[in-house]
Amino acid sequence: MFSLKRPLVLLLLLVCLYSIYFDLSVGTVPLLNPSNQYEPVETASHSMSFVKVVQKGDTLITIVENEINGSLPVPIDELVADFSKLNNGLVPEEIQIGKEYVFPLY
C-alpha cells in the first residue's frame, strides 16, 4: 500500500501543475453558447455625434461638456475611445486648431 501512495501523490501533483500551466498560458475554455456573452453596444454611442471646428484652448473634454451643458456622463477612457473611432483612430492629443472633427454626443 505504501508503494502505491507515493506515485499517486506524484501523479496528482503533476496533474495539478499541468492544469495551472494550461490555465495561465492558454486560458479557460470558451463558453459553448456565445450568445450569452455581453457585447459592447457601439452603435448607440456613435449614432449621436456632432461636428465642431476646434478653437484655441479647446480640449476634447471641454468641447463635449460645453455641447451637453454639463459634466461627462461617461468615463474619460470611453470618451477618448469613442472620439478615436469617430475620427479614424486620431488621438485627442493630435487635435489641431482650426480643423473640423467629429465628437461623440452623450
N, C-alpha and C. Protein backbone atom coordinates (compact mmCIF):
# COMPACT_ATOMS: atom_id res chain seq x y z
N MET A 1 0.82 -1.18 0.00
CA MET A 1 0.00 0.00 0.00
C MET A 1 0.87 1.26 0.00
N PHE A 2 1.98 1.23 0.71
CA PHE A 2 2.87 2.38 0.78
C PHE A 2 3.47 2.69 -0.59
N SER A 3 3.76 1.68 -1.36
CA SER A 3 4.38 1.90 -2.67
C SER A 3 3.41 2.53 -3.67
N LEU A 4 2.11 2.38 -3.47
CA LEU A 4 1.11 2.96 -4.36
C LEU A 4 0.80 4.41 -3.99
N LYS A 5 1.01 4.77 -2.75
CA LYS A 5 0.66 6.10 -2.27
C LYS A 5 1.58 7.17 -2.88
N ARG A 6 2.84 6.92 -2.95
CA ARG A 6 3.81 7.88 -3.46
C ARG A 6 3.59 8.19 -4.95
N PRO A 7 3.43 7.19 -5.82
CA PRO A 7 3.16 7.51 -7.25
C PRO A 7 1.83 8.22 -7.45
N LEU A 8 0.83 7.88 -6.63
CA LEU A 8 -0.47 8.54 -6.75
C LEU A 8 -0.37 10.02 -6.38
N VAL A 9 0.35 10.34 -5.33
CA VAL A 9 0.55 11.73 -4.93
C VAL A 9 1.35 12.47 -6.00
N LEU A 10 2.36 11.83 -6.56
CA LEU A 10 3.16 12.44 -7.62
C LEU A 10 2.31 12.71 -8.87
N LEU A 11 1.46 11.76 -9.23
CA LEU A 11 0.58 11.93 -10.38
C LEU A 11 -0.40 13.08 -10.14
N LEU A 12 -0.97 13.14 -8.96
CA LEU A 12 -1.90 14.21 -8.61
C LEU A 12 -1.20 15.57 -8.65
N LEU A 13 0.01 15.64 -8.18
CA LEU A 13 0.79 16.87 -8.21
C LEU A 13 1.09 17.30 -9.64
N LEU A 14 1.45 16.35 -10.50
CA LEU A 14 1.73 16.66 -11.90
C LEU A 14 0.48 17.16 -12.63
N VAL A 15 -0.65 16.53 -12.37
CA VAL A 15 -1.91 16.96 -12.99
C VAL A 15 -2.26 18.37 -12.54
N CYS A 16 -2.06 18.64 -11.28
CA CYS A 16 -2.35 19.97 -10.74
C CYS A 16 -1.43 21.02 -11.36
N LEU A 17 -0.14 20.74 -11.46
CA LEU A 17 0.81 21.67 -12.06
C LEU A 17 0.51 21.91 -13.54
N TYR A 18 0.16 20.84 -14.26
CA TYR A 18 -0.19 20.99 -15.67
C TYR A 18 -1.45 21.84 -15.83
N SER A 19 -2.40 21.64 -14.95
CA SER A 19 -3.63 22.42 -15.00
C SER A 19 -3.36 23.91 -14.78
N ILE A 20 -2.50 24.21 -13.85
CA ILE A 20 -2.14 25.61 -13.59
C ILE A 20 -1.40 26.19 -14.79
N TYR A 21 -0.46 25.44 -15.36
CA TYR A 21 0.28 25.90 -16.53
C TYR A 21 -0.66 26.15 -17.71
N PHE A 22 -1.57 25.22 -17.96
CA PHE A 22 -2.51 25.36 -19.08
C PHE A 22 -3.41 26.57 -18.88
N ASP A 23 -3.89 26.78 -17.68
CA ASP A 23 -4.78 27.90 -17.40
C ASP A 23 -4.06 29.23 -17.60
N LEU A 24 -2.82 29.32 -17.19
CA LEU A 24 -2.08 30.57 -17.33
C LEU A 24 -1.61 30.83 -18.75
N SER A 25 -1.28 29.79 -19.50
CA SER A 25 -0.76 30.00 -20.85
C SER A 25 -1.84 30.06 -21.92
N VAL A 26 -2.84 29.20 -21.85
CA VAL A 26 -3.88 29.14 -22.87
C VAL A 26 -5.14 29.85 -22.42
N GLY A 27 -5.52 29.69 -21.20
CA GLY A 27 -6.73 30.30 -20.69
C GLY A 27 -7.80 29.27 -20.45
N THR A 28 -8.94 29.76 -20.10
CA THR A 28 -10.05 28.86 -19.81
C THR A 28 -10.78 28.50 -21.09
N VAL A 29 -11.59 27.50 -21.02
CA VAL A 29 -12.34 27.03 -22.17
C VAL A 29 -13.45 28.05 -22.48
N PRO A 30 -13.62 28.43 -23.75
CA PRO A 30 -14.68 29.39 -24.07
C PRO A 30 -16.06 28.79 -23.85
N LEU A 31 -17.03 29.67 -23.69
CA LEU A 31 -18.40 29.23 -23.48
C LEU A 31 -18.94 28.55 -24.73
N LEU A 32 -19.78 27.55 -24.53
CA LEU A 32 -20.37 26.86 -25.67
C LEU A 32 -21.44 27.71 -26.34
N ASN A 33 -22.11 28.55 -25.57
CA ASN A 33 -23.18 29.37 -26.10
C ASN A 33 -22.73 30.83 -26.10
N PRO A 34 -22.11 31.31 -27.17
CA PRO A 34 -21.57 32.67 -27.16
C PRO A 34 -22.64 33.76 -27.16
N SER A 35 -23.90 33.41 -27.39
CA SER A 35 -24.95 34.43 -27.40
C SER A 35 -25.21 34.99 -26.01
N ASN A 36 -24.75 34.31 -24.97
CA ASN A 36 -24.94 34.79 -23.61
C ASN A 36 -23.87 35.80 -23.20
N GLN A 37 -22.84 35.96 -24.02
CA GLN A 37 -21.78 36.89 -23.68
C GLN A 37 -22.25 38.31 -23.94
N TYR A 38 -21.72 39.23 -23.15
CA TYR A 38 -22.06 40.63 -23.34
C TYR A 38 -21.21 41.21 -24.45
N GLU A 39 -21.83 42.01 -25.29
CA GLU A 39 -21.12 42.68 -26.36
C GLU A 39 -21.33 44.18 -26.19
N PRO A 40 -20.27 44.96 -26.36
CA PRO A 40 -20.45 46.40 -26.23
C PRO A 40 -21.33 46.94 -27.35
N VAL A 41 -22.18 47.86 -27.00
CA VAL A 41 -23.06 48.47 -27.99
C VAL A 41 -22.36 49.70 -28.53
N GLU A 42 -21.83 49.59 -29.72
CA GLU A 42 -21.09 50.70 -30.29
C GLU A 42 -21.98 51.62 -31.11
N THR A 43 -23.08 51.13 -31.59
CA THR A 43 -23.92 51.94 -32.46
C THR A 43 -24.60 53.06 -31.69
N ALA A 44 -24.92 52.84 -30.42
CA ALA A 44 -25.62 53.86 -29.65
C ALA A 44 -24.73 55.08 -29.42
N SER A 45 -23.46 54.84 -29.09
CA SER A 45 -22.58 55.96 -28.82
C SER A 45 -22.16 56.68 -30.09
N HIS A 46 -22.14 55.97 -31.23
CA HIS A 46 -21.69 56.58 -32.46
C HIS A 46 -22.83 57.18 -33.27
N SER A 47 -24.06 56.81 -32.97
CA SER A 47 -25.17 57.34 -33.75
C SER A 47 -25.41 58.80 -33.40
N MET A 48 -25.01 59.21 -32.21
CA MET A 48 -25.20 60.59 -31.80
C MET A 48 -23.83 61.26 -31.73
N SER A 49 -23.59 62.14 -32.67
CA SER A 49 -22.32 62.85 -32.70
C SER A 49 -22.55 64.24 -33.27
N PHE A 50 -21.56 65.09 -33.13
CA PHE A 50 -21.63 66.43 -33.70
C PHE A 50 -20.26 66.82 -34.23
N VAL A 51 -20.27 67.75 -35.16
CA VAL A 51 -19.04 68.21 -35.80
C VAL A 51 -18.76 69.62 -35.30
N LYS A 52 -17.49 69.87 -34.99
CA LYS A 52 -17.11 71.19 -34.48
C LYS A 52 -15.72 71.54 -34.96
N VAL A 53 -15.51 72.81 -35.25
CA VAL A 53 -14.18 73.32 -35.57
C VAL A 53 -13.51 73.69 -34.25
N VAL A 54 -12.31 73.18 -34.03
CA VAL A 54 -11.60 73.38 -32.77
C VAL A 54 -11.02 74.79 -32.72
N GLN A 55 -11.25 75.45 -31.59
CA GLN A 55 -10.73 76.80 -31.34
C GLN A 55 -9.55 76.70 -30.37
N LYS A 56 -8.81 77.80 -30.22
CA LYS A 56 -7.68 77.84 -29.30
C LYS A 56 -8.17 77.60 -27.88
N GLY A 57 -7.52 76.69 -27.16
CA GLY A 57 -7.88 76.38 -25.78
C GLY A 57 -8.88 75.25 -25.63
N ASP A 58 -9.46 74.78 -26.74
CA ASP A 58 -10.42 73.67 -26.67
C ASP A 58 -9.72 72.35 -26.39
N THR A 59 -10.34 71.53 -25.58
CA THR A 59 -9.90 70.15 -25.38
C THR A 59 -11.09 69.24 -25.65
N LEU A 60 -10.82 67.97 -25.78
CA LEU A 60 -11.90 67.01 -26.02
C LEU A 60 -12.96 67.10 -24.93
N ILE A 61 -12.53 67.15 -23.70
CA ILE A 61 -13.47 67.16 -22.57
C ILE A 61 -14.28 68.45 -22.55
N THR A 62 -13.62 69.60 -22.74
CA THR A 62 -14.36 70.87 -22.68
C THR A 62 -15.34 71.01 -23.83
N ILE A 63 -14.98 70.53 -25.00
CA ILE A 63 -15.89 70.61 -26.15
C ILE A 63 -17.15 69.80 -25.89
N VAL A 64 -16.98 68.56 -25.41
CA VAL A 64 -18.15 67.70 -25.16
C VAL A 64 -18.97 68.25 -24.00
N GLU A 65 -18.31 68.69 -22.93
CA GLU A 65 -19.05 69.24 -21.78
C GLU A 65 -19.84 70.50 -22.16
N ASN A 66 -19.26 71.35 -23.00
CA ASN A 66 -19.98 72.55 -23.45
C ASN A 66 -21.17 72.19 -24.32
N GLU A 67 -21.04 71.15 -25.12
CA GLU A 67 -22.13 70.74 -26.01
C GLU A 67 -23.31 70.17 -25.23
N ILE A 68 -23.01 69.41 -24.16
CA ILE A 68 -24.10 68.79 -23.39
C ILE A 68 -24.51 69.65 -22.19
N ASN A 69 -23.84 70.79 -22.01
CA ASN A 69 -24.14 71.71 -20.90
C ASN A 69 -24.09 71.02 -19.54
N GLY A 70 -23.04 70.27 -19.31
CA GLY A 70 -22.88 69.59 -18.03
C GLY A 70 -21.59 68.79 -18.01
N SER A 71 -21.45 67.97 -16.96
CA SER A 71 -20.26 67.15 -16.85
C SER A 71 -20.43 65.87 -17.67
N LEU A 72 -19.32 65.19 -17.89
CA LEU A 72 -19.34 63.97 -18.71
C LEU A 72 -20.14 62.86 -18.04
N PRO A 73 -21.05 62.21 -18.76
CA PRO A 73 -21.79 61.09 -18.20
C PRO A 73 -21.08 59.75 -18.38
N VAL A 74 -19.90 59.77 -19.02
CA VAL A 74 -19.15 58.54 -19.28
C VAL A 74 -17.72 58.73 -18.78
N PRO A 75 -16.99 57.64 -18.55
CA PRO A 75 -15.58 57.77 -18.16
C PRO A 75 -14.75 58.40 -19.29
N ILE A 76 -13.67 59.05 -18.92
CA ILE A 76 -12.81 59.72 -19.90
C ILE A 76 -12.24 58.71 -20.89
N ASP A 77 -11.89 57.51 -20.43
CA ASP A 77 -11.36 56.48 -21.34
C ASP A 77 -12.36 56.16 -22.45
N GLU A 78 -13.63 56.08 -22.09
CA GLU A 78 -14.67 55.79 -23.09
C GLU A 78 -14.82 56.95 -24.06
N LEU A 79 -14.75 58.17 -23.56
CA LEU A 79 -14.83 59.36 -24.41
C LEU A 79 -13.69 59.37 -25.42
N VAL A 80 -12.48 59.10 -24.96
CA VAL A 80 -11.31 59.07 -25.84
C VAL A 80 -11.45 57.98 -26.89
N ALA A 81 -11.91 56.80 -26.48
CA ALA A 81 -12.08 55.69 -27.42
C ALA A 81 -13.14 56.02 -28.47
N ASP A 82 -14.26 56.61 -28.04
CA ASP A 82 -15.31 56.98 -28.99
C ASP A 82 -14.83 58.05 -29.96
N PHE A 83 -14.10 59.03 -29.46
CA PHE A 83 -13.56 60.08 -30.32
C PHE A 83 -12.62 59.48 -31.37
N SER A 84 -11.76 58.57 -30.94
CA SER A 84 -10.82 57.95 -31.87
C SER A 84 -11.55 57.15 -32.94
N LYS A 85 -12.60 56.44 -32.56
CA LYS A 85 -13.37 55.66 -33.55
C LYS A 85 -14.06 56.57 -34.55
N LEU A 86 -14.57 57.69 -34.08
CA LEU A 86 -15.27 58.61 -34.98
C LEU A 86 -14.33 59.36 -35.92
N ASN A 87 -13.06 59.44 -35.55
CA ASN A 87 -12.09 60.21 -36.33
C ASN A 87 -10.96 59.34 -36.86
N ASN A 88 -11.26 58.12 -37.24
CA ASN A 88 -10.31 57.20 -37.89
C ASN A 88 -9.03 56.99 -37.09
N GLY A 89 -9.16 56.78 -35.79
CA GLY A 89 -8.01 56.45 -34.96
C GLY A 89 -7.22 57.64 -34.44
N LEU A 90 -7.67 58.84 -34.70
CA LEU A 90 -6.97 60.03 -34.22
C LEU A 90 -7.07 60.12 -32.70
N VAL A 91 -5.95 60.35 -32.04
CA VAL A 91 -5.97 60.51 -30.59
C VAL A 91 -6.19 61.99 -30.27
N PRO A 92 -6.83 62.30 -29.15
CA PRO A 92 -7.15 63.69 -28.81
C PRO A 92 -5.92 64.61 -28.73
N GLU A 93 -4.76 64.06 -28.43
CA GLU A 93 -3.55 64.87 -28.34
C GLU A 93 -3.15 65.45 -29.69
N GLU A 94 -3.67 64.90 -30.79
CA GLU A 94 -3.31 65.35 -32.13
C GLU A 94 -4.33 66.33 -32.73
N ILE A 95 -5.29 66.78 -31.92
CA ILE A 95 -6.28 67.76 -32.40
C ILE A 95 -5.55 69.06 -32.73
N GLN A 96 -5.92 69.66 -33.88
CA GLN A 96 -5.29 70.91 -34.31
C GLN A 96 -6.32 72.03 -34.38
N ILE A 97 -5.88 73.22 -34.02
CA ILE A 97 -6.75 74.40 -34.04
C ILE A 97 -7.18 74.70 -35.47
N GLY A 98 -8.47 75.01 -35.64
CA GLY A 98 -8.99 75.38 -36.95
C GLY A 98 -9.47 74.22 -37.79
N LYS A 99 -9.26 73.00 -37.35
CA LYS A 99 -9.71 71.83 -38.10
C LYS A 99 -11.03 71.33 -37.54
N GLU A 100 -11.76 70.63 -38.40
CA GLU A 100 -13.09 70.12 -38.04
C GLU A 100 -12.98 68.65 -37.63
N TYR A 101 -13.62 68.29 -36.52
CA TYR A 101 -13.60 66.93 -36.01
C TYR A 101 -15.01 66.51 -35.61
N VAL A 102 -15.22 65.19 -35.57
CA VAL A 102 -16.49 64.64 -35.12
C VAL A 102 -16.33 64.26 -33.65
N PHE A 103 -17.27 64.70 -32.82
CA PHE A 103 -17.22 64.44 -31.38
C PHE A 103 -18.43 63.61 -30.97
N PRO A 104 -18.24 62.67 -30.04
CA PRO A 104 -19.39 61.88 -29.57
C PRO A 104 -20.31 62.73 -28.69
N LEU A 105 -21.59 62.47 -28.81
CA LEU A 105 -22.59 63.20 -28.02
C LEU A 105 -23.30 62.20 -27.14
N TYR A 106 -23.34 62.45 -25.85
CA TYR A 106 -23.94 61.51 -24.91
C TYR A 106 -25.20 62.08 -24.32
